[in-house]
Amino acid sequence: MVYGVILDKGENYYTDLRKVFRSIKNEQTHYNWLVTDCVCYAQDAKIENLFNKEYCWLTGNELTEIVQKDSFPWIWAVLSGFQKDIPLSEVQKYPLPYADGYTGFWENPLSLQNPLASIEIVPWDSSLTLLLSKKKSLVDSFMSAFPLSRDLAQYNAE
């Protein structure tokens, strides 16, 4: 089962990954990350170039270091987290996840774009953040940290 949450109220800007990572108690370090469909504005040119590719593959620690070094605005992206024993070669057997134009976020039952993923964090048009996870505890933790967030399945049903 996949659980989800939408955050579209109460923040100065979206998506602040430092706050997102704190909200999930830094669980991002337990995954490898595929970052796709990314539009972001890092101040560091090396970081900007890293994300201006079709995709990038990072450890959770690498992603965390980048976010700690340069807390930049994420406009669009899909950050898909995979258990560390799943190699990139297996992940690449599926289409690359995308945010802009993907209608699956707004349909129940909730699903992850890559079936091997455990979690997705989606900066969506700089106006909201979506978090989908196979672990309900991560969604619950996010919702506790962001009281104005809402259950995505309920949001979709409205």
C-alpha atoms as a PDB file:
ATOM      1  CA  MET A   1       0.000   0.000   0.000  1.00  0.00           C
ATOM      2  CA  VAL A   2       1.137   3.545  -0.733  1.00  0.00           C
ATOM      3  CA  TYR A   3       0.355   6.457   1.575  1.00  0.00           C
ATOM      4  CA  GLY A   4       0.533  10.089   0.561  1.00  0.00           C
ATOM      5  CA  VAL A   5       0.348  13.652   1.747  1.00  0.00           C
ATOM      6  CA  ILE A   6      -0.004  17.037   0.055  1.00  0.00           C
ATOM      7  CA  LEU A   7       1.397  20.259   1.478  1.00  0.00           C
ATOM      8  CA  ASP A   8      -0.002  23.339  -0.226  1.00  0.00           C
ATOM      9  CA  LYS A   9      -0.640  25.710   2.677  1.00  0.00           C
ATOM     10  CA  GLY A  10       1.284  27.496   5.376  1.00  0.00           C
ATOM     11  CA  GLU A  11       4.787  27.677   3.895  1.00  0.00           C
ATOM     12  CA  ASN A  12       6.736  30.666   2.592  1.00  0.00           C
ATOM     13  CA  TYR A  13       7.897  28.669  -0.426  1.00  0.00           C
ATOM     14  CA  TYR A  14       7.859  25.127  -1.754  1.00  0.00           C
ATOM     15  CA  THR A  15       9.809  22.844  -1.599  1.00  0.00           C
ATOM     16  CA  ASP A  16      12.276  23.290   1.273  1.00  0.00           C
ATOM     17  CA  LEU A  17      14.001  19.898   1.341  1.00  0.00           C
ATOM     18  CA  ARG A  18      15.797  20.701   4.602  1.00  0.00           C
ATOM     19  CA  LYS A  19      12.413  20.930   6.298  1.00  0.00           C
ATOM     20  CA  VAL A  20      11.100  17.884   4.448  1.00  0.00           C
ATOM     21  CA  PHE A  21      14.107  15.818   5.549  1.00  0.00           C
ATOM     22  CA  ARG A  22      13.720  16.970   9.156  1.00  0.00           C
ATOM     23  CA  SER A  23      10.036  16.079   9.023  1.00  0.00           C
ATOM     24  CA  ILE A  24      10.829  12.468   8.083  1.00  0.00           C
ATOM     25  CA  LYS A  25      13.581  12.307  10.712  1.00  0.00           C
ATOM     26  CA  ASN A  26      16.317  12.132   8.054  1.00  0.00           C
ATOM     27  CA  GLU A  27      15.106   8.796   6.712  1.00  0.00           C
ATOM     28  CA  GLN A  28      16.325   9.949   3.288  1.00  0.00           C
ATOM     29  CA  THR A  29      19.808   8.765   4.281  1.00  0.00           C
ATOM     30  CA  HIS A  30      18.537   5.155   4.201  1.00  0.00           C
ATOM     31  CA  TYR A  31      17.844   5.268   0.459  1.00  0.00           C
ATOM     32  CA  ASN A  32      19.522   5.838  -2.877  1.00  0.00           C
ATOM     33  CA  TRP A  33      17.809   8.559  -4.887  1.00  0.00           C
ATOM     34  CA  LEU A  34      16.863   8.929  -8.513  1.00  0.00           C
ATOM     35  CA  VAL A  35      16.182  12.611  -9.236  1.00  0.00           C
ATOM     36  CA  THR A  36      14.272  13.252 -12.459  1.00  0.00           C
ATOM     37  CA  ASP A  37      12.292  15.954 -14.256  1.00  0.00           C
ATOM     38  CA  CYS A  38      14.147  18.543 -12.237  1.00  0.00           C
ATOM     39  CA  VAL A  39      13.861  22.296 -12.449  1.00  0.00           C
ATOM     40  CA  CYS A  40      15.721  23.965  -9.611  1.00  0.00           C
ATOM     41  CA  TYR A  41      17.863  27.021  -9.008  1.00  0.00           C
ATOM     42  CA  ALA A  42      20.938  26.135  -7.012  1.00  0.00           C
ATOM     43  CA  GLN A  43      23.399  28.894  -6.249  1.00  0.00           C
ATOM     44  CA  ASP A  44      26.313  26.500  -6.745  1.00  0.00           C
ATOM     45  CA  ALA A  45      26.878  25.902 -10.487  1.00  0.00           C
ATOM     46  CA  LYS A  46      28.136  22.333  -9.891  1.00  0.00           C
ATOM     47  CA  ILE A  47      24.918  21.443  -8.109  1.00  0.00           C
ATOM     48  CA  GLU A  48      22.820  23.150 -10.774  1.00  0.00           C
ATOM     49  CA  ASN A  49      24.614  21.159 -13.505  1.00  0.00           C
ATOM     50  CA  LEU A  50      24.101  17.910 -11.594  1.00  0.00           C
ATOM     51  CA  PHE A  51      20.337  18.348 -11.680  1.00  0.00           C
ATOM     52  CA  ASN A  52      20.148  19.722 -15.236  1.00  0.00           C
ATOM     53  CA  LYS A  53      20.520  16.220 -16.654  1.00  0.00           C
ATOM     54  CA  GLU A  54      17.870  13.676 -17.610  1.00  0.00           C
ATOM     55  CA  TYR A  55      18.412  12.061 -14.205  1.00  0.00           C
ATOM     56  CA  CYS A  56      20.942  11.761 -11.441  1.00  0.00           C
ATOM     57  CA  TRP A  57      21.554   8.919  -8.990  1.00  0.00           C
ATOM     58  CA  LEU A  58      22.693   9.843  -5.482  1.00  0.00           C
ATOM     59  CA  THR A  59      23.076   8.197  -2.122  1.00  0.00           C
ATOM     60  CA  GLY A  60      20.924   9.573   0.646  1.00  0.00           C
ATOM     61  CA  ASN A  61      24.019  11.056   2.259  1.00  0.00           C
ATOM     62  CA  GLU A  62      25.035  12.793  -0.985  1.00  0.00           C
ATOM     63  CA  LEU A  63      21.555  14.247  -1.416  1.00  0.00           C
ATOM     64  CA  THR A  64      21.527  15.414   2.189  1.00  0.00           C
ATOM     65  CA  GLU A  65      24.932  17.088   1.828  1.00  0.00           C
ATOM     66  CA  ILE A  66      23.761  18.925  -1.301  1.00  0.00           C
ATOM     67  CA  VAL A  67      20.618  20.181   0.416  1.00  0.00           C
ATOM     68  CA  GLN A  68      22.549  21.233   3.523  1.00  0.00           C
ATOM     69  CA  LYS A  69      25.141  23.066   1.421  1.00  0.00           C
ATOM     70  CA  ASP A  70      22.693  24.940  -0.803  1.00  0.00           C
ATOM     71  CA  SER A  71      19.051  25.277   0.239  1.00  0.00           C
ATOM     72  CA  PHE A  72      17.723  26.285  -3.161  1.00  0.00           C
ATOM     73  CA  PRO A  73      14.214  26.423  -4.581  1.00  0.00           C
ATOM     74  CA  TRP A  74      12.921  23.247  -6.210  1.00  0.00           C
ATOM     75  CA  ILE A  75      10.312  24.071  -8.823  1.00  0.00           C
ATOM     76  CA  TRP A  76       9.663  20.649 -10.360  1.00  0.00           C
ATOM     77  CA  ALA A  77      11.211  17.257  -9.650  1.00  0.00           C
ATOM     78  CA  VAL A  78      10.558  13.705  -8.654  1.00  0.00           C
ATOM     79  CA  LEU A  79      12.937  12.398  -6.022  1.00  0.00           C
ATOM     80  CA  SER A  80      12.434   8.628  -5.905  1.00  0.00           C
ATOM     81  CA  GLY A  81      14.014   6.755  -2.997  1.00  0.00           C
ATOM     82  CA  PHE A  82      15.099   3.121  -3.369  1.00  0.00           C
ATOM     83  CA  GLN A  83      16.359   0.568  -0.891  1.00  0.00           C
ATOM     84  CA  LYS A  84      20.151   0.562  -1.074  1.00  0.00           C
ATOM     85  CA  ASP A  85      20.307  -3.012  -2.376  1.00  0.00           C
ATOM     86  CA  ILE A  86      18.396  -2.080  -5.554  1.00  0.00           C
ATOM     87  CA  PRO A  87      20.909  -1.189  -8.289  1.00  0.00           C
ATOM     88  CA  LEU A  88      20.394   1.631 -10.774  1.00  0.00           C
ATOM     89  CA  SER A  89      20.344  -0.947 -13.588  1.00  0.00           C
ATOM     90  CA  GLU A  90      17.120  -2.427 -12.143  1.00  0.00           C
ATOM     91  CA  VAL A  91      15.577   1.004 -11.592  1.00  0.00           C
ATOM     92  CA  GLN A  92      16.260   1.911 -15.234  1.00  0.00           C
ATOM     93  CA  LYS A  93      14.055  -0.922 -16.468  1.00  0.00           C
ATOM     94  CA  TYR A  94      11.097   1.404 -15.842  1.00  0.00           C
ATOM     95  CA  PRO A  95      10.247   4.796 -17.370  1.00  0.00           C
ATOM     96  CA  LEU A  96      11.746   7.823 -15.654  1.00  0.00           C
ATOM     97  CA  PRO A  97       9.315   9.443 -13.206  1.00  0.00           C
ATOM     98  CA  TYR A  98       8.099  12.938 -14.037  1.00  0.00           C
ATOM     99  CA  ALA A  99       6.135  15.625 -12.252  1.00  0.00           C
ATOM    100  CA  ASP A 100       4.911  18.132 -14.843  1.00  0.00           C
ATOM    101  CA  GLY A 101       1.872  16.592 -16.503  1.00  0.00           C
ATOM    102  CA  TYR A 102       1.781  13.365 -14.494  1.00  0.00           C
ATOM    103  CA  THR A 103      -1.889  12.766 -13.610  1.00  0.00           C
ATOM    104  CA  GLY A 104      -1.300   9.735 -11.385  1.00  0.00           C
ATOM    105  CA  PHE A 105      -0.692  11.918  -8.327  1.00  0.00           C
ATOM    106  CA  TRP A 106      -4.353  12.897  -8.425  1.00  0.00           C
ATOM    107  CA  GLU A 107      -5.798   9.381  -8.670  1.00  0.00           C
ATOM    108  CA  ASN A 108      -6.677   6.787  -6.059  1.00  0.00           C
ATOM    109  CA  PRO A 109      -5.344   4.320  -5.173  1.00  0.00           C
ATOM    110  CA  LEU A 110      -2.039   6.117  -4.704  1.00  0.00           C
ATOM    111  CA  SER A 111       0.988   4.615  -6.390  1.00  0.00           C
ATOM    112  CA  LEU A 112       4.676   5.276  -6.882  1.00  0.00           C
ATOM    113  CA  GLN A 113       5.774   5.865 -10.473  1.00  0.00           C
ATOM    114  CA  ASN A 114       8.603   3.352 -10.241  1.00  0.00           C
ATOM    115  CA  PRO A 115       7.321   0.147  -8.589  1.00  0.00           C
ATOM    116  CA  LEU A 116      10.757  -0.506  -7.053  1.00  0.00           C
ATOM    117  CA  ALA A 117      10.723   2.832  -5.201  1.00  0.00           C
ATOM    118  CA  SER A 118       9.893   3.089  -1.508  1.00  0.00           C
ATOM    119  CA  ILE A 119       9.253   6.833  -1.391  1.00  0.00           C
ATOM    120  CA  GLU A 120       8.709   9.806  -3.688  1.00  0.00           C
ATOM    121  CA  ILE A 121       9.146  13.453  -2.816  1.00  0.00           C
ATOM    122  CA  VAL A 122       7.682  15.736  -5.467  1.00  0.00           C
ATOM    123  CA  PRO A 123       8.184  19.484  -5.681  1.00  0.00           C
ATOM    124  CA  TRP A 124       5.229  20.379  -7.890  1.00  0.00           C
ATOM    125  CA  ASP A 125       5.292  23.679  -9.788  1.00  0.00           C
ATOM    126  CA  SER A 126       6.847  25.474  -6.808  1.00  0.00           C
ATOM    127  CA  SER A 127       3.375  25.600  -5.249  1.00  0.00           C
ATOM    128  CA  LEU A 128       3.127  22.369  -3.298  1.00  0.00           C
ATOM    129  CA  THR A 129       4.973  19.311  -2.097  1.00  0.00           C
ATOM    130  CA  LEU A 130       3.804  15.735  -2.414  1.00  0.00           C
ATOM    131  CA  LEU A 131       5.235  12.876  -0.389  1.00  0.00           C
ATOM    132  CA  LEU A 132       4.256   9.301  -1.185  1.00  0.00           C
ATOM    133  CA  SER A 133       5.647   6.335   0.701  1.00  0.00           C
ATOM    134  CA  LYS A 134       5.159   2.653   1.348  1.00  0.00           C
ATOM    135  CA  LYS A 135       5.893   3.475   5.003  1.00  0.00           C
ATOM    136  CA  LYS A 136       2.899   5.057   6.705  1.00  0.00           C
ATOM    137  CA  SER A 137       5.155   6.254   9.527  1.00  0.00           C
ATOM    138  CA  LEU A 138       6.981   8.620   7.126  1.00  0.00           C
ATOM    139  CA  VAL A 139       3.718  10.167   5.957  1.00  0.00           C
ATOM    140  CA  ASP A 140       2.495  10.473   9.550  1.00  0.00           C
ATOM    141  CA  SER A 141       5.761  12.119  10.590  1.00  0.00           C
ATOM    142  CA  PHE A 142       5.528  14.578   7.682  1.00  0.00           C
ATOM    143  CA  MET A 143       1.936  15.426   8.610  1.00  0.00           C
ATOM    144  CA  SER A 144       2.933  16.032  12.226  1.00  0.00           C
ATOM    145  CA  ALA A 145       5.679  18.429  11.147  1.00  0.00           C
ATOM    146  CA  PHE A 146       3.377  20.237   8.699  1.00  0.00           C
ATOM    147  CA  PRO A 147      -0.027  20.544  10.412  1.00  0.00           C
ATOM    148  CA  LEU A 148      -1.662  22.125   7.352  1.00  0.00           C
ATOM    149  CA  SER A 149      -0.774  19.159   5.146  1.00  0.00           C
ATOM    150  CA  ARG A 150      -3.531  16.755   4.119  1.00  0.00           C
ATOM    151  CA  ASP A 151      -3.890  13.090   3.334  1.00  0.00           C
ATOM    152  CA  LEU A 152      -3.474  12.834  -0.444  1.00  0.00           C
ATOM    153  CA  ALA A 153      -6.024  10.034  -0.919  1.00  0.00           C
ATOM    154  CA  GLN A 154      -8.652  12.075   0.902  1.00  0.00           C
ATOM    155  CA  TYR A 155      -7.675  15.169  -1.087  1.00  0.00           C
ATOM    156  CA  ASN A 156      -8.120  13.195  -4.319  1.00  0.00           C
ATOM    157  CA  ALA A 157     -11.526  11.944  -3.215  1.00  0.00           C
ATOM    158  CA  GLU A 158     -12.902  15.461  -2.625  1.00  0.00           C
END
